[in-house]
Protein backbone atom coordinates (compact mmCIF):
# COMPACT_ATOMS: atom_id res chain seq x y z
CA MET A 1 83.15 71.05 74.95
CA ASN A 2 86.54 69.42 75.47
CA THR A 3 87.63 69.63 71.82
CA PRO A 4 91.17 71.04 71.73
CA ASP A 5 91.37 74.55 70.33
CA PRO A 6 93.41 74.34 67.09
CA LYS A 7 94.79 77.80 67.83
CA ARG A 8 95.67 77.02 71.44
CA TRP A 9 99.45 77.24 71.11
CA THR A 10 99.28 80.50 69.15
CA ALA A 11 96.79 81.82 71.70
CA LEU A 12 99.15 80.73 74.47
CA PHE A 13 101.94 82.76 72.87
CA LEU A 14 99.72 85.86 72.95
CA LEU A 15 98.74 85.28 76.59
CA CYS A 16 102.33 84.66 77.64
CA ALA A 17 103.42 87.82 75.83
CA ALA A 18 100.73 89.71 77.73
CA GLN A 19 101.89 88.29 81.06
CA PHE A 20 105.51 89.12 80.19
CA LEU A 21 104.57 92.73 79.46
CA VAL A 22 102.49 93.10 82.63
CA ILE A 23 105.34 91.89 84.85
CA LEU A 24 107.87 93.86 82.80
CA ASP A 25 105.93 97.06 83.45
CA ALA A 26 106.74 96.84 87.15
CA SER A 27 110.51 96.65 86.65
CA ILE A 28 111.35 98.38 83.36
CA ILE A 29 111.34 101.87 84.89
CA GLY A 30 113.91 101.02 87.61
CA VAL A 31 116.99 102.06 85.66
CA ALA A 32 115.14 105.06 84.19
CA LEU A 33 114.27 106.60 87.57
CA PRO A 34 117.29 108.96 87.76
CA ALA A 35 116.53 110.32 84.30
CA ILE A 36 112.84 110.76 85.18
CA GLN A 37 113.76 112.50 88.41
CA LYS A 38 116.00 114.97 86.62
CA ALA A 39 113.54 115.65 83.80
CA LEU A 40 110.48 116.28 85.99
CA GLY A 41 112.23 117.67 89.09
CA ILE A 42 110.94 114.95 91.44
CA THR A 43 112.26 114.83 95.00
CA ALA A 44 114.07 111.74 96.25
CA GLU A 45 111.25 111.03 98.70
CA ASN A 46 108.54 111.13 96.02
CA LEU A 47 110.50 109.25 93.37
CA GLN A 48 109.43 105.87 94.79
CA TRP A 49 105.81 106.52 93.85
CA ILE A 50 106.55 106.08 90.17
CA PHE A 51 107.06 102.43 91.07
CA ASN A 52 104.65 102.13 93.99
CA ALA A 53 101.65 103.70 92.23
CA TYR A 54 101.72 100.77 89.80
CA VAL A 55 102.31 98.06 92.42
CA VAL A 56 99.61 99.35 94.79
CA THR A 57 96.82 99.45 92.20
CA PHE A 58 97.97 96.23 90.54
CA GLY A 59 98.07 94.27 93.78
CA GLY A 60 95.04 95.99 95.24
CA LEU A 61 92.69 95.33 92.31
CA LEU A 62 93.71 91.83 91.26
CA LEU A 63 90.90 90.16 93.20
CA LEU A 64 88.35 92.44 91.54
CA GLY A 65 89.93 91.79 88.16
CA GLY A 66 89.65 88.04 88.67
CA ARG A 67 86.01 88.28 89.70
CA LEU A 68 85.13 90.54 86.76
CA ALA A 69 86.75 88.00 84.43
CA ASP A 70 84.54 85.26 85.88
CA LEU A 71 81.35 87.31 85.60
CA PHE A 72 81.78 89.17 82.30
CA GLY A 73 84.00 86.81 80.33
CA GLN A 74 87.76 86.45 80.35
CA ARG A 75 88.37 87.72 76.82
CA ARG A 76 86.25 90.82 77.33
CA VAL A 77 88.02 91.76 80.57
CA PHE A 78 91.43 90.92 79.02
CA ALA A 79 90.75 93.34 76.15
CA ALA A 80 89.40 96.03 78.51
CA GLY A 81 92.58 95.76 80.55
CA TRP A 82 94.73 96.30 77.48
CA ILE A 83 92.72 99.36 76.48
CA VAL A 84 93.31 100.88 79.92
CA LEU A 85 97.00 99.93 79.97
CA THR A 86 97.64 101.26 76.46
CA LEU A 87 95.97 104.63 77.11
CA ALA A 88 97.68 104.93 80.51
CA SER A 89 101.07 104.19 78.92
CA LEU A 90 100.50 106.95 76.37
CA LEU A 91 99.63 109.34 79.21
CA ALA A 92 102.74 108.30 81.17
CA GLY A 93 105.02 108.71 78.17
CA LEU A 94 103.71 112.22 77.50
CA ALA A 95 103.39 113.25 81.18
CA PRO A 96 104.47 116.89 81.69
CA ASP A 97 104.77 116.66 85.47
CA GLU A 98 105.08 114.35 88.46
CA LEU A 99 101.37 114.21 89.35
CA THR A 100 100.35 113.20 85.83
CA LEU A 101 103.00 110.50 85.74
CA ASP A 102 101.94 109.05 89.11
CA LEU A 103 98.29 109.01 87.99
CA ALA A 104 99.24 107.31 84.73
CA ARG A 105 101.25 104.68 86.60
CA ALA A 106 98.27 103.97 88.85
CA LEU A 107 96.06 103.55 85.76
CA GLN A 108 98.64 101.17 84.28
CA GLY A 109 98.23 99.10 87.44
CA VAL A 110 94.45 99.07 86.96
CA GLY A 111 94.90 97.73 83.44
CA ALA A 112 97.36 95.10 84.59
CA ALA A 113 94.97 93.98 87.35
CA LEU A 114 92.35 93.26 84.68
CA ILE A 115 94.76 91.58 82.28
CA SER A 116 96.69 89.18 84.49
CA PRO A 117 93.92 87.04 86.08
CA ALA A 118 91.89 87.00 82.86
CA ALA A 119 94.95 85.85 80.90
CA MET A 120 95.72 83.02 83.34
CA SER A 121 92.09 81.86 83.27
CA LEU A 122 92.07 81.90 79.46
CA MET A 123 95.33 79.94 79.42
CA MET A 124 93.95 77.25 81.71
CA GLY A 125 90.84 76.93 79.54
CA LEU A 126 92.86 76.30 76.37
CA PHE A 127 94.25 72.91 77.45
CA HIS A 128 92.43 69.77 78.56
CA ASP A 129 95.32 67.31 78.33
CA PRO A 130 97.23 67.47 81.68
CA ARG A 131 100.55 67.06 79.86
CA GLU A 132 99.78 69.99 77.56
CA LEU A 133 98.59 72.06 80.51
CA GLY A 134 101.83 71.33 82.34
CA ARG A 135 103.86 72.51 79.37
CA ALA A 136 101.62 75.56 78.99
CA PHE A 137 102.30 76.43 82.62
CA GLY A 138 106.00 76.15 81.80
CA PHE A 139 105.69 78.78 79.07
CA TRP A 140 103.51 80.91 81.36
CA GLY A 141 105.99 80.78 84.22
CA ALA A 142 108.91 81.48 81.91
CA SER A 143 107.19 84.58 80.55
CA ALA A 144 106.45 85.93 84.03
CA ALA A 145 109.89 85.25 85.45
CA ALA A 146 111.57 86.63 82.34
CA GLY A 147 109.45 89.78 82.51
CA GLY A 148 110.64 90.52 86.03
CA SER A 149 114.30 89.98 85.18
CA ALA A 150 114.31 91.48 81.68
CA GLY A 151 112.85 94.78 82.84
CA VAL A 152 116.11 95.94 84.32
CA PHE A 153 118.02 95.14 81.12
CA LEU A 154 115.48 96.57 78.69
CA GLY A 155 114.99 99.68 80.83
CA GLY A 156 118.73 100.31 80.64
CA VAL A 157 118.83 99.84 76.88
CA ILE A 158 115.82 102.07 76.21
CA THR A 159 116.96 104.82 78.59
CA GLN A 160 120.52 104.83 77.26
CA TRP A 161 119.74 104.56 73.54
CA LEU A 162 116.36 106.30 73.27
CA ASP A 163 114.72 108.24 76.13
CA TRP A 164 113.09 107.38 79.46
CA ARG A 165 109.66 108.20 78.02
CA TRP A 166 109.93 105.17 75.75
CA THR A 167 109.86 102.85 78.76
CA PHE A 168 106.16 103.81 78.77
CA LEU A 169 105.48 104.63 75.12
CA ILE A 170 106.70 101.22 73.98
CA TYR A 171 103.47 99.79 75.41
CA VAL A 172 101.31 101.76 72.96
CA PRO A 173 102.18 99.82 69.77
CA LEU A 174 102.49 96.59 71.76
CA GLY A 175 99.07 97.11 73.33
CA LEU A 176 97.47 97.86 69.98
CA GLY A 177 99.03 94.68 68.60
CA VAL A 178 97.62 92.57 71.44
CA LEU A 179 94.17 94.11 70.97
CA ALA A 180 94.25 93.41 67.23
CA LEU A 181 95.04 89.72 67.78
CA THR A 182 92.68 89.12 70.70
CA PRO A 183 89.39 88.55 68.76
CA THR A 184 91.10 86.19 66.33
CA LEU A 185 93.13 84.03 68.70
CA LEU A 186 91.21 83.96 71.99
CA ARG A 187 87.90 82.32 72.78
CA LYS A 188 85.36 84.26 74.81
CA GLY A 189 85.88 82.04 77.84
CA THR A 190 83.31 81.01 80.42
CA ARG A 191 80.95 83.29 82.34
CA ALA A 192 79.59 82.68 85.81
CA SER A 193 76.31 84.04 87.11
CA GLY A 194 76.25 86.57 89.93
CA THR A 195 76.89 90.19 90.75
CA VAL A 196 79.96 92.23 91.58
CA ASP A 197 80.65 92.72 95.29
CA TRP A 198 81.77 96.34 95.01
CA LEU A 199 81.84 96.85 98.77
CA GLY A 200 84.10 93.86 99.18
CA ALA A 201 86.29 95.13 96.34
CA LEU A 202 86.55 98.53 98.02
CA THR A 203 87.50 97.14 101.43
CA VAL A 204 90.05 94.58 100.21
CA THR A 205 91.61 97.07 97.80
CA GLY A 206 91.77 99.62 100.59
CA ALA A 207 93.33 97.06 102.93
CA ILE A 208 96.03 96.06 100.46
CA THR A 209 96.67 99.65 99.42
CA LEU A 210 97.06 100.84 103.02
CA ALA A 211 99.26 97.86 103.87
CA VAL A 212 101.62 98.53 100.96
CA LEU A 213 101.48 102.28 101.60
CA GLY A 214 102.37 101.79 105.25
CA LEU A 215 105.27 99.50 104.42
CA VAL A 216 106.83 101.65 101.72
CA ARG A 217 106.54 104.81 103.84
CA ALA A 218 107.84 103.16 107.02
CA GLU A 219 111.42 103.60 105.83
CA THR A 220 111.14 107.40 105.94
CA LEU A 221 108.51 107.87 108.66
CA GLY A 222 109.76 105.15 111.03
CA TRP A 223 108.25 101.76 111.80
CA THR A 224 106.88 102.89 115.17
CA SER A 225 105.63 106.30 114.07
CA ALA A 226 101.99 107.19 114.52
CA ALA A 227 101.53 107.49 110.74
CA THR A 228 102.96 104.02 110.05
CA LEU A 229 101.06 102.31 112.86
CA GLY A 230 97.86 104.14 111.93
CA THR A 231 98.15 103.15 108.27
CA LEU A 232 98.90 99.50 109.03
CA GLY A 233 96.16 99.47 111.67
CA GLY A 234 93.73 100.83 109.09
CA ALA A 235 94.78 98.06 106.70
CA ALA A 236 94.13 95.42 109.36
CA THR A 237 90.72 96.92 110.16
CA LEU A 238 89.65 96.96 106.51
CA LEU A 239 90.85 93.38 106.09
CA ILE A 240 88.70 92.27 109.04
CA VAL A 241 85.71 94.11 107.57
CA PHE A 242 86.35 92.46 104.19
CA LEU A 243 86.46 88.97 105.69
CA ALA A 244 83.27 89.65 107.65
CA LEU A 245 81.55 90.78 104.46
CA GLN A 246 82.72 87.70 102.55
CA ALA A 247 81.31 85.46 105.26
CA THR A 248 77.87 87.11 105.22
CA LEU A 249 77.13 88.42 101.73
CA ARG A 250 75.09 86.29 99.33
CA ALA A 251 77.40 87.03 96.38
CA PRO A 252 80.81 87.93 97.85
CA LEU A 253 83.87 88.99 95.88
CA MET A 254 85.91 86.13 97.35
CA PRO A 255 83.73 83.27 98.61
CA LEU A 256 85.68 81.96 101.57
CA GLN A 257 84.83 78.38 100.63
CA ILE A 258 87.33 78.69 97.78
CA PHE A 259 90.02 78.11 100.42
CA ARG A 260 88.62 74.62 100.91
CA ALA A 261 90.25 73.74 97.61
CA PRO A 262 93.18 71.37 98.26
CA ASN A 263 96.34 73.27 99.15
CA LEU A 264 95.07 76.62 97.86
CA SER A 265 95.80 78.42 101.13
CA VAL A 266 99.26 76.98 101.68
CA GLY A 267 100.07 77.34 97.99
CA ASN A 268 99.36 81.06 98.13
CA LEU A 269 101.42 81.49 101.30
CA VAL A 270 104.36 79.71 99.68
CA ASN A 271 103.83 81.86 96.59
CA ALA A 272 104.08 85.01 98.72
CA LEU A 273 107.31 83.80 100.37
CA LEU A 274 108.76 82.91 96.97
CA ALA A 275 108.04 86.44 95.74
CA GLY A 276 109.36 87.92 98.99
CA SER A 277 112.74 86.29 98.37
CA TRP A 278 112.96 86.46 94.57
CA ILE A 279 112.13 90.15 94.04
CA PRO A 280 114.73 91.35 96.60
CA LEU A 281 117.27 89.03 94.95
CA TRP A 282 117.20 90.75 91.56
CA PHE A 283 116.57 94.21 93.12
CA PHE A 284 119.70 94.13 95.30
CA LEU A 285 121.72 92.19 92.73
CA ASN A 286 121.26 95.08 90.32
CA LEU A 287 122.36 97.53 93.03
CA TYR A 288 125.39 95.38 93.84
CA LEU A 289 126.42 95.29 90.19
CA GLN A 290 126.05 99.04 89.66
CA GLN A 291 126.90 100.60 93.01
CA VAL A 292 129.53 98.16 94.28
CA LEU A 293 131.13 96.67 91.17
CA GLY A 294 130.71 99.89 89.17
CA TYR A 295 128.72 98.54 86.21
CA ASN A 296 126.64 100.98 84.17
CA ALA A 297 122.94 100.35 83.55
CA LEU A 298 123.48 98.44 80.31
CA GLN A 299 126.27 96.28 81.76
CA GLY A 300 124.13 95.48 84.78
CA GLY A 301 121.31 94.40 82.53
CA LEU A 302 123.61 92.20 80.46
CA ALA A 303 124.88 90.58 83.65
CA LEU A 304 121.30 89.46 84.41
CA LEU A 305 120.76 87.94 80.95
CA PRO A 306 122.26 84.47 81.68
CA MET A 307 119.88 84.03 84.62
CA THR A 308 116.89 85.23 82.61
CA LEU A 309 117.62 83.01 79.61
CA LEU A 310 118.28 79.95 81.76
CA ILE A 311 114.98 80.41 83.61
CA MET A 312 113.10 80.52 80.32
CA ILE A 313 114.87 77.46 78.94
CA LEU A 314 114.37 75.44 82.11
CA MET A 315 110.71 76.33 82.55
CA VAL A 316 109.83 75.45 78.98
CA ASN A 317 111.88 72.26 78.64
CA MET A 318 112.29 70.88 82.17
CA THR A 319 109.58 72.01 84.58
CA GLY A 320 106.77 69.84 83.24
CA ARG A 321 108.98 66.73 83.31
CA VAL A 322 110.25 67.21 86.84
CA ILE A 323 106.75 67.93 88.15
CA ALA A 324 105.52 64.69 86.60
CA ALA A 325 108.54 62.81 87.94
CA PHE A 326 108.80 64.16 91.49
CA GLY A 327 105.51 65.89 92.27
CA ILE A 328 104.87 69.47 93.34
CA LYS A 329 106.06 69.24 96.94
CA LYS A 330 109.54 67.96 96.15
CA ASN A 331 109.97 70.56 93.42
CA LEU A 332 108.98 73.35 95.77
CA VAL A 333 111.43 72.15 98.41
CA ILE A 334 114.24 71.79 95.86
CA GLY A 335 113.54 75.15 94.21
CA LEU A 336 113.27 77.16 97.41
CA THR A 337 116.37 75.45 98.82
CA LEU A 338 118.33 76.43 95.72
CA LEU A 339 117.17 80.02 96.22
CA VAL A 340 118.46 79.87 99.79
CA VAL A 341 121.85 78.66 98.50
CA SER A 342 121.99 81.35 95.81
CA LEU A 343 121.12 84.14 98.24
CA ALA A 344 123.63 82.85 100.78
CA LEU A 345 126.36 82.95 98.10
CA LEU A 346 125.43 86.51 97.12
CA GLY A 347 125.47 87.36 100.83
CA ARG A 348 129.22 86.63 100.79
CA ALA A 349 130.15 88.40 97.53
CA PRO A 350 133.12 90.76 98.15
CA ALA A 351 133.21 94.47 97.36
CA ASP A 352 135.89 93.79 94.71
CA GLY A 353 134.02 90.76 93.40
CA ASN A 354 134.42 89.10 90.03
CA PHE A 355 131.36 88.43 87.87
CA LEU A 356 132.43 84.94 86.77
CA VAL A 357 133.30 83.85 90.31
CA ASP A 358 130.99 85.76 92.65
CA VAL A 359 127.88 86.53 90.57
CA LEU A 360 127.35 84.12 87.68
CA PRO A 361 127.31 80.84 89.69
CA ALA A 362 124.89 82.27 92.25
CA THR A 363 122.53 83.62 89.58
CA LEU A 364 122.52 80.32 87.68
CA ILE A 365 121.64 78.49 90.90
CA ALA A 366 118.87 81.05 91.42
CA ALA A 367 117.58 80.32 87.90
CA PHE A 368 117.31 76.61 88.73
CA GLY A 369 115.60 77.50 92.00
CA MET A 370 112.99 79.70 90.32
CA ALA A 371 112.41 77.13 87.58
CA PHE A 372 111.76 74.40 90.14
CA ALA A 373 109.58 76.52 92.45
CA TYR A 374 107.53 79.07 90.48
CA ILE A 375 105.26 76.79 88.46
CA PRO A 376 104.54 74.38 91.35
CA ALA A 377 103.67 77.32 93.62
CA THR A 378 101.34 78.75 90.97
CA MET A 379 99.68 75.43 90.19
CA ALA A 380 99.23 74.71 93.88
CA SER A 381 97.44 78.01 94.26
CA VAL A 382 94.91 77.57 91.43
CA SER A 383 94.58 73.92 90.42
CA GLY A 384 92.09 72.92 93.11
CA ALA A 385 89.59 75.68 92.28
CA ARG A 386 86.36 74.99 90.39
CA PRO A 387 86.30 76.08 86.70
CA GLU A 388 83.80 78.86 87.45
CA ASP A 389 86.20 80.19 90.11
CA SER A 390 89.31 80.08 87.92
CA GLY A 391 89.44 83.85 87.45
CA LEU A 392 89.07 84.41 91.18
CA ALA A 393 91.79 81.85 91.96
CA SER A 394 94.05 83.53 89.40
CA GLY A 395 93.38 86.89 91.04
CA ILE A 396 94.24 85.48 94.46
CA VAL A 397 97.53 83.94 93.34
CA ASN A 398 98.58 87.11 91.54
CA THR A 399 97.58 89.16 94.58
CA THR A 400 99.63 87.03 96.97
CA TYR A 401 102.64 87.28 94.65
CA GLN A 402 102.41 91.07 94.37
CA VAL A 403 101.75 91.56 98.08
CA GLY A 404 104.57 89.15 98.91
CA SER A 405 106.86 91.14 96.62
CA ALA A 406 105.94 94.48 98.21
CA VAL A 407 106.09 93.24 101.80
CA GLY A 408 109.31 91.30 101.29
CA LEU A 409 111.08 94.13 99.49
CA ALA A 410 109.94 96.78 101.99
CA ALA A 411 111.13 94.70 104.93
CA ILE A 412 114.48 93.86 103.35
CA VAL A 413 115.10 97.47 102.26
CA ALA A 414 114.63 98.40 105.93
CA VAL A 415 117.19 95.75 106.90
CA ALA A 416 119.65 97.09 104.32
CA ASN A 417 119.15 100.67 105.50
CA ALA A 418 119.76 99.62 109.09
CA ASN A 419 123.08 98.16 107.96
CA GLY A 420 124.42 101.27 106.21
CA ASN A 421 122.55 101.58 102.92
CA ASN A 422 122.51 105.33 102.23
CA VAL A 423 123.59 107.76 99.54
CA ASP A 424 126.82 108.69 101.35
CA ALA A 425 127.98 105.12 101.95
CA SER A 426 131.16 103.78 100.39
CA ALA A 427 131.13 100.71 98.15
CA ALA A 428 132.34 98.59 101.07
CA GLN A 429 129.58 99.90 103.34
CA LEU A 430 126.97 99.33 100.67
CA ASN A 431 128.25 95.80 100.20
CA THR A 432 127.77 95.12 103.91
CA ALA A 433 124.19 96.40 103.65
CA TYR A 434 123.53 94.24 100.61
CA HIS A 435 124.94 91.20 102.43
CA ALA A 436 122.30 91.74 105.11
CA ALA A 437 119.63 92.07 102.42
CA PHE A 438 120.59 88.86 100.62
CA LEU A 439 120.76 86.87 103.85
CA SER A 440 117.36 88.22 104.94
CA ALA A 441 115.89 87.13 101.62
CA ALA A 442 117.49 83.71 102.16
CA ALA A 443 115.65 83.50 105.50
CA ILE A 444 112.34 84.20 103.74
CA ALA A 445 113.01 81.46 101.19
CA ALA A 446 113.93 79.10 104.03
CA GLY A 447 110.56 79.89 105.59
CA GLY A 448 108.98 78.79 102.31
CA VAL A 449 110.84 75.47 102.52
CA LEU A 450 109.56 74.89 106.05
CA LEU A 451 105.98 75.80 105.14
CA THR A 452 106.06 73.46 102.15
CA LEU A 453 107.35 70.56 104.24
CA LEU A 454 104.70 71.09 106.91
CA GLY A 455 101.69 72.17 104.86
CA VAL A 456 101.72 70.63 101.39
CA ARG A 457 99.60 67.50 100.91
CA VAL A 458 101.19 65.46 98.14
CA PRO A 459 98.27 63.39 96.79
CA ASP A 460 96.04 66.42 96.20
CA PHE A 461 98.75 68.21 94.24
CA LYS A 462 99.57 65.26 92.02
CA ALA A 463 95.92 64.56 91.35
CA SER A 464 95.19 68.09 90.25
CA ALA A 465 98.46 69.19 88.68
CA THR A 466 99.95 66.25 86.81
CA ASP A 467 98.87 63.01 85.17
């Protein structure tokens, strides 16, 4: 049962590539949005849904995807997710109008919600040696972090050299390639007994969807408007109903006893705060480069390459060693503190800034911060779960990251708008708004430091995460 899989490292490469592509899909269309808007005649207010349709379904269905992976087998659900994502990408690339594109983006999110937790569960099942598992997590974290950062660069290249439709169509040959390799490289995985809690899935997905919907619309409707308060109130009500169902059903979607696993709750909270500071960092950094410093899309993407490459190098070659040497808690504190420093530096970058002086040092510090923090936060969130709950734990950690991303970005966009971020603003005014955004993200990362110091229990992490 514990015989190492001879194909485990090749299988890991496939799983990491899948995770890279799933995370990439959320960010690759950012630079292409103006071209999409012009081609399909989309209003400025509705343009955001090309991004949000993916994030809402991805974040909203991750718990269900994790549970389905546990019940029906990780490889089967992984392959099903890629079928959905590939077909949805073809539909998005050929979309003749706004409604079709939004629907296709939502279906892409459904596919990603099946892929991501199944892939993480398969990855964890490949390795029994704690040292190998630590290194595997390094590759996994590098692929996820790189996907988020590389999307801006690749989106610029594809849009400028090919066409915006290829930001979607590129997933068709890639998806077919993943599907062709899946039966050969991946084991079937484990299967738990039980049934699917569809009512729980409906209520939690509705809660997350309404929460994200309320937050992303609050900028235009107002935070105290009846629509915003009603939507967020509906999200809270559905969440309460979901928790009540999980406490009473015989076979719930998310058995609440899973949170008895050492540090799982605090690990997921830290994970959400990490996402809530990291996603705004690269989002507003790209805006600073293009709208303040005057870079074009390709130049802005190239400016993010040093940070992306350094994250990948550090996660693969350093993360496992520093976790073994210092433990998860110290790494989380160090990583989140470095993110605070990086964001504080970006919060002082001048409107006539220089890349080598005002951008590069801060982004390299951010790369060290993400390399120190991302893997420990992920391992803290899943390592204490039972093997039969690995898919569920993976769904929870991915959900908290996506929800943390959406909540953090929505809140910080509101802060930036309150400080002069609008289409008529000058570069200097935009820079002031971006300063407020970076400093707000720094405050979120600082909250992660405080939560780690107060909530992380060191022995449990070391026992479950490193040898």
